[in-house]
Amino acid sequence: PPPFWRRFMPQGAPPVSGETTLVLDNRDYQNL
């Protein structure tokens, strides 16, 4: 079970769509 204090933490803002993050680049290797 999660820690008891986590129940009282404020809820974060609802997520938005379209937030893009780079995971793996092609600097030395070509990704297939």
PDB file of all heavy atoms in Angstrom:
ATOM      1  N   PRO A   1       0.838  -1.211   0.000  1.00  0.00           N
ATOM      2  CA  PRO A   1       0.000   0.000   0.000  1.00  0.00           C
ATOM      3  C   PRO A   1       0.866   1.252   0.000  1.00  0.00           C
ATOM      4  O   PRO A   1       1.975   1.261   0.536  1.00  0.00           O
ATOM      5  CB  PRO A   1      -0.804  -0.143   1.305  1.00  0.00           C
ATOM      6  CG  PRO A   1       0.024  -1.029   2.174  1.00  0.00           C
ATOM      7  CD  PRO A   1       0.723  -1.980   1.245  1.00  0.00           C
ATOM      8  N   PRO A   2       0.376   2.335  -0.600  1.00  0.00           N
ATOM      9  CA  PRO A   2       1.159   3.591  -0.620  1.00  0.00           C
ATOM     10  C   PRO A   2       1.240   4.180   0.784  1.00  0.00           C
ATOM     11  O   PRO A   2       0.444   3.859   1.664  1.00  0.00           O
ATOM     12  CB  PRO A   2       0.343   4.481  -1.562  1.00  0.00           C
ATOM     13  CG  PRO A   2      -1.056   3.944  -1.488  1.00  0.00           C
ATOM     14  CD  PRO A   2      -0.915   2.465  -1.284  1.00  0.00           C
ATOM     15  N   PRO A   3       2.211   5.038   1.024  1.00  0.00           N
ATOM     16  CA  PRO A   3       2.315   5.685   2.335  1.00  0.00           C
ATOM     17  C   PRO A   3       1.047   6.453   2.686  1.00  0.00           C
ATOM     18  O   PRO A   3       0.371   7.003   1.808  1.00  0.00           O
ATOM     19  CB  PRO A   3       3.519   6.624   2.168  1.00  0.00           C
ATOM     20  CG  PRO A   3       4.293   6.066   1.013  1.00  0.00           C
ATOM     21  CD  PRO A   3       3.291   5.435   0.099  1.00  0.00           C
ATOM     22  N   PHE A   4       0.765   6.503   3.996  1.00  0.00           N
ATOM     23  CA  PHE A   4      -0.467   7.138   4.442  1.00  0.00           C
ATOM     24  C   PHE A   4      -0.485   8.628   4.087  1.00  0.00           C
ATOM     25  O   PHE A   4      -1.534   9.181   3.730  1.00  0.00           O
ATOM     26  CB  PHE A   4      -0.605   6.952   5.965  1.00  0.00           C
ATOM     27  CG  PHE A   4      -1.836   7.600   6.533  1.00  0.00           C
ATOM     28  CD1 PHE A   4      -3.074   7.019   6.373  1.00  0.00           C
ATOM     29  CD2 PHE A   4      -1.752   8.800   7.222  1.00  0.00           C
ATOM     30  CE1 PHE A   4      -4.214   7.614   6.891  1.00  0.00           C
ATOM     31  CE2 PHE A   4      -2.878   9.404   7.739  1.00  0.00           C
ATOM     32  CZ  PHE A   4      -4.119   8.801   7.580  1.00  0.00           C
ATOM     33  N   TRP A   5       0.686   9.287   4.172  1.00  0.00           N
ATOM     34  CA  TRP A   5       0.715  10.721   3.925  1.00  0.00           C
ATOM     35  C   TRP A   5       0.409  11.070   2.479  1.00  0.00           C
ATOM     36  O   TRP A   5       0.017  12.197   2.174  1.00  0.00           O
ATOM     37  CB  TRP A   5       2.081  11.292   4.310  1.00  0.00           C
ATOM     38  CG  TRP A   5       3.240  10.572   3.676  1.00  0.00           C
ATOM     39  CD1 TRP A   5       3.963   9.561   4.216  1.00  0.00           C
ATOM     40  CD2 TRP A   5       3.791  10.798   2.372  1.00  0.00           C
ATOM     41  NE1 TRP A   5       4.945   9.135   3.340  1.00  0.00           N
ATOM     42  CE2 TRP A   5       4.858   9.882   2.194  1.00  0.00           C
ATOM     43  CE3 TRP A   5       3.494  11.689   1.342  1.00  0.00           C
ATOM     44  CZ2 TRP A   5       5.605   9.824   1.044  1.00  0.00           C
ATOM     45  CZ3 TRP A   5       4.241  11.631   0.177  1.00  0.00           C
ATOM     46  CH2 TRP A   5       5.290  10.712   0.045  1.00  0.00           C
ATOM     47  N   ARG A   6       0.567  10.095   1.553  1.00  0.00           N
ATOM     48  CA  ARG A   6       0.331  10.398   0.143  1.00  0.00           C
ATOM     49  C   ARG A   6      -1.145  10.684  -0.131  1.00  0.00           C
ATOM     50  O   ARG A   6      -1.488  11.361  -1.096  1.00  0.00           O
ATOM     51  CB  ARG A   6       0.825   9.228  -0.710  1.00  0.00           C
ATOM     52  CG  ARG A   6       0.752   9.490  -2.199  1.00  0.00           C
ATOM     53  CD  ARG A   6       1.428   8.395  -2.997  1.00  0.00           C
ATOM     54  NE  ARG A   6       2.869   8.347  -2.723  1.00  0.00           N
ATOM     55  CZ  ARG A   6       3.689   7.464  -3.268  1.00  0.00           C
ATOM     56  NH1 ARG A   6       3.211   6.547  -4.098  1.00  0.00           N
ATOM     57  NH2 ARG A   6       4.973   7.475  -2.976  1.00  0.00           N
ATOM     58  N   ARG A   7      -2.024  10.187   0.731  1.00  0.00           N
ATOM     59  CA  ARG A   7      -3.446  10.436   0.523  1.00  0.00           C
ATOM     60  C   ARG A   7      -3.803  11.904   0.668  1.00  0.00           C
ATOM     61  O   ARG A   7      -4.807  12.370   0.136  1.00  0.00           O
ATOM     62  CB  ARG A   7      -4.271   9.612   1.513  1.00  0.00           C
ATOM     63  CG  ARG A   7      -4.017   8.110   1.439  1.00  0.00           C
ATOM     64  CD  ARG A   7      -4.847   7.382   2.485  1.00  0.00           C
ATOM     65  NE  ARG A   7      -4.557   5.954   2.503  1.00  0.00           N
ATOM     66  CZ  ARG A   7      -5.120   5.092   3.353  1.00  0.00           C
ATOM     67  NH1 ARG A   7      -6.001   5.524   4.237  1.00  0.00           N
ATOM     68  NH2 ARG A   7      -4.795   3.810   3.307  1.00  0.00           N
ATOM     69  N   PHE A   8      -2.982  12.642   1.419  1.00  0.00           N
ATOM     70  CA  PHE A   8      -3.287  14.044   1.675  1.00  0.00           C
ATOM     71  C   PHE A   8      -2.554  14.981   0.724  1.00  0.00           C
ATOM     72  O   PHE A   8      -2.688  16.201   0.851  1.00  0.00           O
ATOM     73  CB  PHE A   8      -2.915  14.389   3.126  1.00  0.00           C
ATOM     74  CG  PHE A   8      -3.624  13.532   4.140  1.00  0.00           C
ATOM     75  CD1 PHE A   8      -2.986  12.430   4.699  1.00  0.00           C
ATOM     76  CD2 PHE A   8      -4.928  13.807   4.513  1.00  0.00           C
ATOM     77  CE1 PHE A   8      -3.629  11.630   5.623  1.00  0.00           C
ATOM     78  CE2 PHE A   8      -5.579  13.014   5.440  1.00  0.00           C
ATOM     79  CZ  PHE A   8      -4.941  11.922   6.006  1.00  0.00           C
ATOM     80  N   MET A   9      -1.792  14.413  -0.216  1.00  0.00           N
ATOM     81  CA  MET A   9      -1.096  15.270  -1.169  1.00  0.00           C
ATOM     82  C   MET A   9      -2.088  15.848  -2.168  1.00  0.00           C
ATOM     83  O   MET A   9      -3.025  15.180  -2.597  1.00  0.00           O
ATOM     84  CB  MET A   9      -0.008  14.474  -1.909  1.00  0.00           C
ATOM     85  CG  MET A   9       1.140  14.023  -1.038  1.00  0.00           C
ATOM     86  SD  MET A   9       2.414  13.163  -1.997  1.00  0.00           S
ATOM     87  CE  MET A   9       2.926  14.459  -3.126  1.00  0.00           C
ATOM     88  N   PRO A  10      -1.923  17.101  -2.569  1.00  0.00           N
ATOM     89  CA  PRO A  10      -2.850  17.683  -3.543  1.00  0.00           C
ATOM     90  C   PRO A  10      -2.712  17.022  -4.904  1.00  0.00           C
ATOM     91  O   PRO A  10      -1.625  16.610  -5.316  1.00  0.00           O
ATOM     92  CB  PRO A  10      -2.418  19.160  -3.583  1.00  0.00           C
ATOM     93  CG  PRO A  10      -0.986  19.144  -3.130  1.00  0.00           C
ATOM     94  CD  PRO A  10      -0.883  18.029  -2.120  1.00  0.00           C
ATOM     95  N   GLN A  11      -3.840  16.906  -5.582  1.00  0.00           N
ATOM     96  CA  GLN A  11      -3.841  16.315  -6.913  1.00  0.00           C
ATOM     97  C   GLN A  11      -3.221  17.287  -7.912  1.00  0.00           C
ATOM     98  O   GLN A  11      -3.467  18.503  -7.851  1.00  0.00           O
ATOM     99  CB  GLN A  11      -5.271  15.972  -7.334  1.00  0.00           C
ATOM    100  CG  GLN A  11      -5.938  14.940  -6.441  1.00  0.00           C
ATOM    101  CD  GLN A  11      -5.292  13.574  -6.570  1.00  0.00           C
ATOM    102  OE1 GLN A  11      -4.743  13.224  -7.615  1.00  0.00           O
ATOM    103  NE2 GLN A  11      -5.344  12.790  -5.502  1.00  0.00           N
ATOM    104  N   GLY A  12      -2.403  16.739  -8.821  1.00  0.00           N
ATOM    105  CA  GLY A  12      -1.781  17.567  -9.830  1.00  0.00           C
ATOM    106  C   GLY A  12      -2.770  18.019 -10.887  1.00  0.00           C
ATOM    107  O   GLY A  12      -3.927  17.582 -10.937  1.00  0.00           O
ATOM    108  N   ALA A  13      -2.323  18.914 -11.720  1.00  0.00           N
ATOM    109  CA  ALA A  13      -3.171  19.408 -12.797  1.00  0.00           C
ATOM    110  C   ALA A  13      -3.451  18.295 -13.799  1.00  0.00           C
ATOM    111  O   ALA A  13      -2.626  17.398 -13.992  1.00  0.00           O
ATOM    112  CB  ALA A  13      -2.484  20.583 -13.494  1.00  0.00           C
ATOM    113  N   PRO A  14      -4.622  18.292 -14.420  1.00  0.00           N
ATOM    114  CA  PRO A  14      -4.927  17.251 -15.407  1.00  0.00           C
ATOM    115  C   PRO A  14      -3.932  17.298 -16.560  1.00  0.00           C
ATOM    116  O   PRO A  14      -3.476  18.374 -16.962  1.00  0.00           O
ATOM    117  CB  PRO A  14      -6.347  17.600 -15.862  1.00  0.00           C
ATOM    118  CG  PRO A  14      -6.536  19.044 -15.506  1.00  0.00           C
ATOM    119  CD  PRO A  14      -5.712  19.263 -14.281  1.00  0.00           C
ATOM    120  N   PRO A  15      -3.563  16.138 -17.102  1.00  0.00           N
ATOM    121  CA  PRO A  15      -2.561  16.123 -18.176  1.00  0.00           C
ATOM    122  C   PRO A  15      -3.097  16.763 -19.443  1.00  0.00           C
ATOM    123  O   PRO A  15      -4.300  16.772 -19.709  1.00  0.00           O
ATOM    124  CB  PRO A  15      -2.287  14.624 -18.368  1.00  0.00           C
ATOM    125  CG  PRO A  15      -3.539  13.943 -17.900  1.00  0.00           C
ATOM    126  CD  PRO A  15      -4.070  14.790 -16.782  1.00  0.00           C
ATOM    127  N   VAL A  16      -2.192  17.294 -20.218  1.00  0.00           N
ATOM    128  CA  VAL A  16      -2.542  17.887 -21.502  1.00  0.00           C
ATOM    129  C   VAL A  16      -1.989  16.987 -22.604  1.00  0.00           C
ATOM    130  O   VAL A  16      -1.053  16.218 -22.401  1.00  0.00           O
ATOM    131  CB  VAL A  16      -1.976  19.310 -21.636  1.00  0.00           C
ATOM    132  CG1 VAL A  16      -2.592  20.219 -20.600  1.00  0.00           C
ATOM    133  CG2 VAL A  16      -0.456  19.302 -21.495  1.00  0.00           C
ATOM    134  N   SER A  17      -2.568  17.079 -23.749  1.00  0.00           N
ATOM    135  CA  SER A  17      -2.131  16.254 -24.877  1.00  0.00           C
ATOM    136  C   SER A  17      -1.063  16.990 -25.667  1.00  0.00           C
ATOM    137  O   SER A  17      -0.979  18.225 -25.661  1.00  0.00           O
ATOM    138  CB  SER A  17      -3.324  15.931 -25.785  1.00  0.00           C
ATOM    139  OG  SER A  17      -3.878  17.120 -26.318  1.00  0.00           O
ATOM    140  N   GLY A  18      -0.225  16.212 -26.361  1.00  0.00           N
ATOM    141  CA  GLY A  18       0.742  16.795 -27.286  1.00  0.00           C
ATOM    142  C   GLY A  18       2.081  17.160 -26.702  1.00  0.00           C
ATOM    143  O   GLY A  18       2.888  17.791 -27.389  1.00  0.00           O
ATOM    144  N   GLU A  19       2.374  16.766 -25.446  1.00  0.00           N
ATOM    145  CA  GLU A  19       3.694  17.042 -24.870  1.00  0.00           C
ATOM    146  C   GLU A  19       4.672  15.976 -25.359  1.00  0.00           C
ATOM    147  O   GLU A  19       4.599  14.819 -24.959  1.00  0.00           O
ATOM    148  CB  GLU A  19       3.618  17.066 -23.347  1.00  0.00           C
ATOM    149  CG  GLU A  19       2.816  18.227 -22.789  1.00  0.00           C
ATOM    150  CD  GLU A  19       2.878  18.284 -21.276  1.00  0.00           C
ATOM    151  OE1 GLU A  19       3.378  17.311 -20.662  1.00  0.00           O
ATOM    152  OE2 GLU A  19       2.414  19.290 -20.699  1.00  0.00           O
ATOM    153  N   THR A  20       5.598  16.368 -26.215  1.00  0.00           N
ATOM    154  CA  THR A  20       6.519  15.445 -26.872  1.00  0.00           C
ATOM    155  C   THR A  20       7.870  15.455 -26.166  1.00  0.00           C
ATOM    156  O   THR A  20       8.393  16.516 -25.831  1.00  0.00           O
ATOM    157  CB  THR A  20       6.696  15.829 -28.347  1.00  0.00           C
ATOM    158  OG1 THR A  20       5.416  15.877 -28.977  1.00  0.00           O
ATOM    159  CG2 THR A  20       7.560  14.809 -29.071  1.00  0.00           C
ATOM    160  N   THR A  21       8.429  14.251 -25.969  1.00  0.00           N
ATOM    161  CA  THR A  21       9.725  14.092 -25.315  1.00  0.00           C
ATOM    162  C   THR A  21      10.592  13.161 -26.156  1.00  0.00           C
ATOM    163  O   THR A  21      10.139  12.091 -26.575  1.00  0.00           O
ATOM    164  CB  THR A  21       9.564  13.504 -23.904  1.00  0.00           C
ATOM    165  OG1 THR A  21       8.680  14.340 -23.140  1.00  0.00           O
ATOM    166  CG2 THR A  21      10.905  13.395 -23.199  1.00  0.00           C
ATOM    167  N   LEU A  22      11.836  13.558 -26.396  1.00  0.00           N
ATOM    168  CA  LEU A  22      12.779  12.720 -27.129  1.00  0.00           C
ATOM    169  C   LEU A  22      13.264  11.593 -26.225  1.00  0.00           C
ATOM    170  O   LEU A  22      13.724  11.830 -25.101  1.00  0.00           O
ATOM    171  CB  LEU A  22      13.960  13.551 -27.622  1.00  0.00           C
ATOM    172  CG  LEU A  22      15.052  12.806 -28.385  1.00  0.00           C
ATOM    173  CD1 LEU A  22      14.515  12.223 -29.682  1.00  0.00           C
ATOM    174  CD2 LEU A  22      16.242  13.721 -28.658  1.00  0.00           C
ATOM    175  N   VAL A  23      13.187  10.366 -26.717  1.00  0.00           N
ATOM    176  CA  VAL A  23      13.600   9.189 -25.953  1.00  0.00           C
ATOM    177  C   VAL A  23      14.944   8.655 -26.435  1.00  0.00           C
ATOM    178  O   VAL A  23      15.819   8.324 -25.638  1.00  0.00           O
ATOM    179  CB  VAL A  23      12.526   8.082 -26.033  1.00  0.00           C
ATOM    180  CG1 VAL A  23      12.993   6.809 -25.335  1.00  0.00           C
ATOM    181  CG2 VAL A  23      11.215   8.565 -25.424  1.00  0.00           C
ATOM    182  N   LEU A  24      15.139   8.577 -27.744  1.00  0.00           N
ATOM    183  CA  LEU A  24      16.365   8.007 -28.315  1.00  0.00           C
ATOM    184  C   LEU A  24      16.689   8.733 -29.611  1.00  0.00           C
ATOM    185  O   LEU A  24      15.871   8.761 -30.538  1.00  0.00           O
ATOM    186  CB  LEU A  24      16.185   6.506 -28.570  1.00  0.00           C
ATOM    187  CG  LEU A  24      17.399   5.728 -29.052  1.00  0.00           C
ATOM    188  CD1 LEU A  24      18.504   5.748 -27.998  1.00  0.00           C
ATOM    189  CD2 LEU A  24      17.021   4.291 -29.377  1.00  0.00           C
ATOM    190  N   ASP A  25      17.904   9.311 -29.674  1.00  0.00           N
ATOM    191  CA  ASP A  25      18.280  10.063 -30.864  1.00  0.00           C
ATOM    192  C   ASP A  25      18.974   9.151 -31.877  1.00  0.00           C
ATOM    193  O   ASP A  25      19.160   7.960 -31.658  1.00  0.00           O
ATOM    194  CB  ASP A  25      19.166  11.254 -30.485  1.00  0.00           C
ATOM    195  CG  ASP A  25      20.456  10.818 -29.787  1.00  0.00           C
ATOM    196  OD1 ASP A  25      20.991   9.735 -30.105  1.00  0.00           O
ATOM    197  OD2 ASP A  25      20.926  11.556 -28.890  1.00  0.00           O
ATOM    198  N   ASN A  26      19.378   9.740 -32.997  1.00  0.00           N
ATOM    199  CA  ASN A  26      20.037   8.998 -34.082  1.00  0.00           C
ATOM    200  C   ASN A  26      21.439   9.543 -34.332  1.00  0.00           C
ATOM    201  O   ASN A  26      21.911   9.544 -35.465  1.00  0.00           O
ATOM    202  CB  ASN A  26      19.208   9.070 -35.362  1.00  0.00           C
ATOM    203  CG  ASN A  26      18.970  10.506 -35.804  1.00  0.00           C
ATOM    204  OD1 ASN A  26      19.391  11.459 -35.136  1.00  0.00           O
ATOM    205  ND2 ASN A  26      18.288  10.675 -36.927  1.00  0.00           N
ATOM    206  N   ARG A  27      22.098  10.006 -33.278  1.00  0.00           N
ATOM    207  CA  ARG A  27      23.382  10.668 -33.454  1.00  0.00           C
ATOM    208  C   ARG A  27      24.440   9.721 -34.010  1.00  0.00           C
ATOM    209  O   ARG A  27      25.180  10.086 -34.917  1.00  0.00           O
ATOM    210  CB  ARG A  27      23.840  11.237 -32.112  1.00  0.00           C
ATOM    211  CG  ARG A  27      25.148  11.996 -32.166  1.00  0.00           C
ATOM    212  CD  ARG A  27      25.365  12.726 -30.855  1.00  0.00           C
ATOM    213  NE  ARG A  27      25.154  11.809 -29.734  1.00  0.00           N
ATOM    214  CZ  ARG A  27      25.029  12.213 -28.472  1.00  0.00           C
ATOM    215  NH1 ARG A  27      25.046  13.502 -28.186  1.00  0.00           N
ATOM    216  NH2 ARG A  27      24.860  11.333 -27.508  1.00  0.00           N
ATOM    217  N   ASP A  28      24.524   8.500 -33.478  1.00  0.00           N
ATOM    218  CA  ASP A  28      25.539   7.549 -33.937  1.00  0.00           C
ATOM    219  C   ASP A  28      24.934   6.324 -34.613  1.00  0.00           C
ATOM    220  O   ASP A  28      25.611   5.648 -35.387  1.00  0.00           O
ATOM    221  CB  ASP A  28      26.391   7.081 -32.751  1.00  0.00           C
ATOM    222  CG  ASP A  28      27.131   8.234 -32.095  1.00  0.00           C
ATOM    223  OD1 ASP A  28      27.646   9.096 -32.827  1.00  0.00           O
ATOM    224  OD2 ASP A  28      27.178   8.275 -30.847  1.00  0.00           O
ATOM    225  N   TYR A  29      23.686   6.015 -34.299  1.00  0.00           N
ATOM    226  CA  TYR A  29      23.039   4.821 -34.830  1.00  0.00           C
ATOM    227  C   TYR A  29      21.720   5.193 -35.489  1.00  0.00           C
ATOM    228  O   TYR A  29      21.000   6.084 -35.030  1.00  0.00           O
ATOM    229  CB  TYR A  29      22.767   3.794 -33.719  1.00  0.00           C
ATOM    230  CG  TYR A  29      24.005   3.080 -33.224  1.00  0.00           C
ATOM    231  CD1 TYR A  29      24.847   3.666 -32.286  1.00  0.00           C
ATOM    232  CD2 TYR A  29      24.341   1.814 -33.697  1.00  0.00           C
ATOM    233  CE1 TYR A  29      25.985   3.022 -31.828  1.00  0.00           C
ATOM    234  CE2 TYR A  29      25.461   1.151 -33.246  1.00  0.00           C
ATOM    235  CZ  TYR A  29      26.283   1.762 -32.314  1.00  0.00           C
ATOM    236  OH  TYR A  29      27.411   1.108 -31.868  1.00  0.00           O
ATOM    237  N   GLN A  30      21.435   4.469 -36.553  1.00  0.00           N
ATOM    238  CA  GLN A  30      20.143   4.610 -37.211  1.00  0.00           C
ATOM    239  C   GLN A  30      19.141   3.698 -36.509  1.00  0.00           C
ATOM    240  O   GLN A  30      19.402   2.521 -36.289  1.00  0.00           O
ATOM    241  CB  GLN A  30      20.263   4.238 -38.684  1.00  0.00           C
ATOM    242  CG  GLN A  30      18.952   4.329 -39.447  1.00  0.00           C
ATOM    243  CD  GLN A  30      19.118   3.879 -40.884  1.00  0.00           C
ATOM    244  OE1 GLN A  30      20.232   3.680 -41.361  1.00  0.00           O
ATOM    245  NE2 GLN A  30      18.002   3.709 -41.579  1.00  0.00           N
ATOM    246  N   ASN A  31      17.993   4.225 -36.147  1.00  0.00           N
ATOM    247  CA  ASN A  31      16.955   3.465 -35.454  1.00  0.00           C
ATOM    248  C   ASN A  31      15.975   2.884 -36.464  1.00  0.00           C
ATOM    249  O   ASN A  31      15.467   3.602 -37.334  1.00  0.00           O
ATOM    250  CB  ASN A  31      16.207   4.363 -34.462  1.00  0.00           C
ATOM    251  CG  ASN A  31      17.148   4.982 -33.439  1.00  0.00           C
ATOM    252  OD1 ASN A  31      17.982   4.298 -32.861  1.00  0.00           O
ATOM    253  ND2 ASN A  31      17.008   6.281 -33.222  1.00  0.00           N
ATOM    254  N   LEU A  32      15.697   1.601 -36.323  1.00  0.00           N
ATOM    255  CA  LEU A  32      14.768   0.927 -37.227  1.00  0.00           C
ATOM    256  C   LEU A  32      13.537   0.474 -36.442  1.00  0.00           C
ATOM    257  O   LEU A  32      12.932   1.269 -35.743  1.00  0.00           O
ATOM    258  CB  LEU A  32      15.476  -0.238 -37.916  1.00  0.00           C
ATOM    259  CG  LEU A  32      16.735   0.141 -38.730  1.00  0.00           C
ATOM    260  CD1 LEU A  32      17.398  -1.088 -39.309  1.00  0.00           C
ATOM    261  CD2 LEU A  32      16.373   1.136 -39.826  1.00  0.00           C
TER     262      LEU A  32
END
